Amino acid sequence: MRVALGVDHRGFAVKADLLAAVRARGHEVLDMGTHSEASVDYPDYSAAVGAAVAEGRADRGVIVCGSGVGACIAANKIRGVRAAVCHDTYSARQGVQHDDMNVLCLGSGIVGRSLIDELLRAFLDARFAAAEPRYVRRLRKVQQLEHGGQVGP
């Protein structure tokens, strides 16, 4: 699997650990930056990771900012990106299995280095439950919303 990784200056402190953890799981990493602790804008890195996923250059993405929230908001503006902030393994796994989440957003001020490997493992090892009609139906509704459509009961 190809994984796009982007961090802002707040995420830079955990970037080396993330790169190592993704590679240790046997995946290829596309390093989308940043490359120092100099102050940068998280939307730039969310856009880079999101574009890589949306365009098919990466299968999944990981973005890190201070809380994960800003990076998540920015990434979800890109058509085809389904990003979520996950700071527990259940959400990281279930987000892929039930919602076809393709970008994991983390907060460097929230997630300690010891949890990074567990979150990545849960996210990268999970697969969308495409055989389950209810999850496929829900995903189609999300995609319909993304394209300006309406949904409802």
Protein backbone atom coordinates (compact mmCIF):
# COMPACT_ATOMS: atom_id res chain seq x y z
CA MET A 1 0.00 0.00 0.00
CA ARG A 2 1.15 3.55 -0.72
CA VAL A 3 0.63 5.94 2.20
CA ALA A 4 0.87 9.72 1.82
CA LEU A 5 2.16 11.37 4.99
CA GLY A 6 1.95 15.07 5.70
CA VAL A 7 2.65 17.01 8.87
CA ASP A 8 2.74 20.64 9.83
CA HIS A 9 5.30 22.12 12.22
CA ARG A 10 3.42 20.73 15.22
CA GLY A 11 3.46 17.24 13.69
CA PHE A 12 7.12 17.35 12.73
CA ALA A 13 8.19 16.01 16.15
CA VAL A 14 6.46 12.68 15.44
CA LYS A 15 7.13 12.51 11.70
CA ALA A 16 10.19 10.25 11.91
CA ASP A 17 8.25 7.81 14.10
CA LEU A 18 5.35 7.80 11.64
CA LEU A 19 7.63 7.20 8.66
CA ALA A 20 9.34 4.34 10.46
CA ALA A 21 6.06 2.79 11.61
CA VAL A 22 4.52 2.86 8.12
CA ARG A 23 7.65 1.39 6.54
CA ALA A 24 7.93 -1.25 9.26
CA ARG A 25 4.46 -2.48 8.23
CA GLY A 26 5.79 -2.97 4.69
CA HIS A 27 4.16 0.04 3.06
CA GLU A 28 5.61 2.66 0.73
CA VAL A 29 5.54 6.24 2.05
CA LEU A 30 5.03 9.39 0.03
CA ASP A 31 6.53 12.15 2.18
CA MET A 32 4.45 15.25 1.56
CA GLY A 33 6.35 17.41 4.09
CA THR A 34 6.96 19.49 6.10
CA HIS A 35 10.67 19.00 6.56
CA SER A 36 11.40 21.14 9.63
CA GLU A 37 9.81 22.69 12.70
CA ALA A 38 9.50 26.08 10.97
CA SER A 39 5.93 27.36 11.20
CA VAL A 40 3.76 26.31 8.24
CA ASP A 41 0.05 26.17 7.47
CA TYR A 42 -1.65 22.80 8.01
CA PRO A 43 -4.08 23.21 5.07
CA ASP A 44 -1.13 23.01 2.68
CA TYR A 45 -0.19 19.54 3.94
CA SER A 46 -3.78 18.37 4.18
CA ALA A 47 -4.22 19.41 0.56
CA ALA A 48 -1.07 17.57 -0.52
CA VAL A 49 -2.06 14.35 1.24
CA GLY A 50 -5.69 14.64 0.18
CA ALA A 51 -4.77 15.20 -3.46
CA ALA A 52 -2.44 12.19 -3.42
CA VAL A 53 -5.27 9.99 -2.13
CA ALA A 54 -7.99 11.49 -4.36
CA GLU A 55 -5.81 11.19 -7.47
CA GLY A 56 -4.83 7.59 -6.70
CA ARG A 57 -1.13 8.29 -6.11
CA ALA A 58 -1.67 6.98 -2.57
CA ASP A 59 -4.09 4.40 -1.22
CA ARG A 60 -4.35 6.03 2.21
CA GLY A 61 -3.13 9.15 3.91
CA VAL A 62 -1.99 10.28 7.34
CA ILE A 63 -1.92 13.92 8.41
CA VAL A 64 -0.67 15.36 11.70
CA CYS A 65 -1.22 18.82 13.15
CA GLY A 66 -1.47 19.94 16.77
CA SER A 67 -4.96 18.57 17.45
CA GLY A 68 -5.73 16.75 14.20
CA VAL A 69 -8.91 18.80 13.85
CA GLY A 70 -7.71 21.52 11.48
CA ALA A 71 -5.97 18.98 9.24
CA CYS A 72 -9.15 16.90 9.15
CA ILE A 73 -11.38 19.83 8.26
CA ALA A 74 -9.07 20.86 5.42
CA ALA A 75 -8.65 17.31 4.07
CA ASN A 76 -12.40 16.74 3.96
CA LYS A 77 -12.78 19.66 1.56
CA ILE A 78 -11.16 17.53 -1.14
CA ARG A 79 -13.56 15.42 -3.16
CA GLY A 80 -12.89 11.72 -2.58
CA VAL A 81 -11.25 12.18 0.81
CA ARG A 82 -12.88 10.68 3.88
CA ALA A 83 -10.72 11.89 6.74
CA ALA A 84 -11.28 11.49 10.47
CA VAL A 85 -9.47 12.39 13.66
CA CYS A 86 -8.78 9.18 15.54
CA HIS A 87 -6.96 8.97 18.81
CA ASP A 88 -8.03 5.43 19.69
CA THR A 89 -7.56 2.16 17.83
CA TYR A 90 -11.26 1.31 17.67
CA SER A 91 -12.08 4.45 15.69
CA ALA A 92 -9.02 4.07 13.45
CA ARG A 93 -10.08 0.53 12.51
CA GLN A 94 -13.86 1.01 12.46
CA GLY A 95 -13.57 4.20 10.39
CA VAL A 96 -12.08 2.15 7.57
CA GLN A 97 -14.28 -0.91 8.03
CA HIS A 98 -17.63 0.89 8.18
CA ASP A 99 -17.01 4.28 6.57
CA ASP A 100 -14.19 3.62 4.07
CA MET A 101 -12.07 6.28 5.77
CA ASN A 102 -8.97 6.88 3.66
CA VAL A 103 -7.14 9.57 5.65
CA LEU A 104 -6.19 9.31 9.31
CA CYS A 105 -5.71 12.62 11.13
CA LEU A 106 -3.73 12.75 14.35
CA GLY A 107 -2.98 15.42 16.92
CA SER A 108 0.65 15.57 17.98
CA GLY A 109 -0.42 17.35 21.16
CA ILE A 110 -2.78 14.49 21.97
CA VAL A 111 -1.26 11.25 20.68
CA GLY A 112 1.94 10.13 22.33
CA ARG A 113 4.67 8.34 20.43
CA SER A 114 3.77 5.06 22.09
CA LEU A 115 0.29 5.10 20.55
CA ILE A 116 1.36 6.01 17.01
CA ASP A 117 2.25 2.47 15.96
CA GLU A 118 -1.00 1.06 17.34
CA LEU A 119 -3.12 3.67 15.54
CA LEU A 120 -1.31 3.13 12.26
CA ARG A 121 -1.64 -0.63 12.55
CA ALA A 122 -5.39 -0.36 13.19
CA PHE A 123 -5.84 2.07 10.28
CA LEU A 124 -3.57 0.39 7.74
CA ASP A 125 -4.63 -3.20 8.47
CA ALA A 126 -8.36 -2.47 8.28
CA ARG A 127 -10.39 -3.04 5.12
CA PHE A 128 -13.75 -1.62 4.10
CA ALA A 129 -16.58 -4.12 4.64
CA ALA A 130 -17.71 -3.91 1.00
CA ALA A 131 -19.71 -7.12 1.32
CA GLU A 132 -22.02 -5.46 3.85
CA PRO A 133 -24.87 -3.73 1.99
CA ARG A 134 -25.57 -1.24 4.81
CA TYR A 135 -22.00 0.12 4.73
CA VAL A 136 -22.00 0.38 0.95
CA ARG A 137 -25.39 2.15 1.04
CA ARG A 138 -24.10 4.63 3.61
CA LEU A 139 -20.91 5.27 1.67
CA ARG A 140 -22.94 5.97 -1.47
CA LYS A 141 -24.97 8.52 0.48
CA VAL A 142 -21.78 10.23 1.66
CA GLN A 143 -20.53 10.32 -1.92
CA GLN A 144 -23.87 11.73 -3.06
CA LEU A 145 -23.55 14.54 -0.51
CA GLU A 146 -20.00 15.18 -1.67
CA HIS A 147 -21.27 15.78 -5.20
CA GLY A 148 -23.94 18.23 -4.07
CA GLY A 149 -26.78 15.76 -3.84
CA GLN A 150 -29.29 15.35 -1.09
CA VAL A 151 -30.01 12.33 1.06
CA GLY A 152 -32.64 11.50 3.59
CA PRO A 153 -34.61 8.73 5.19
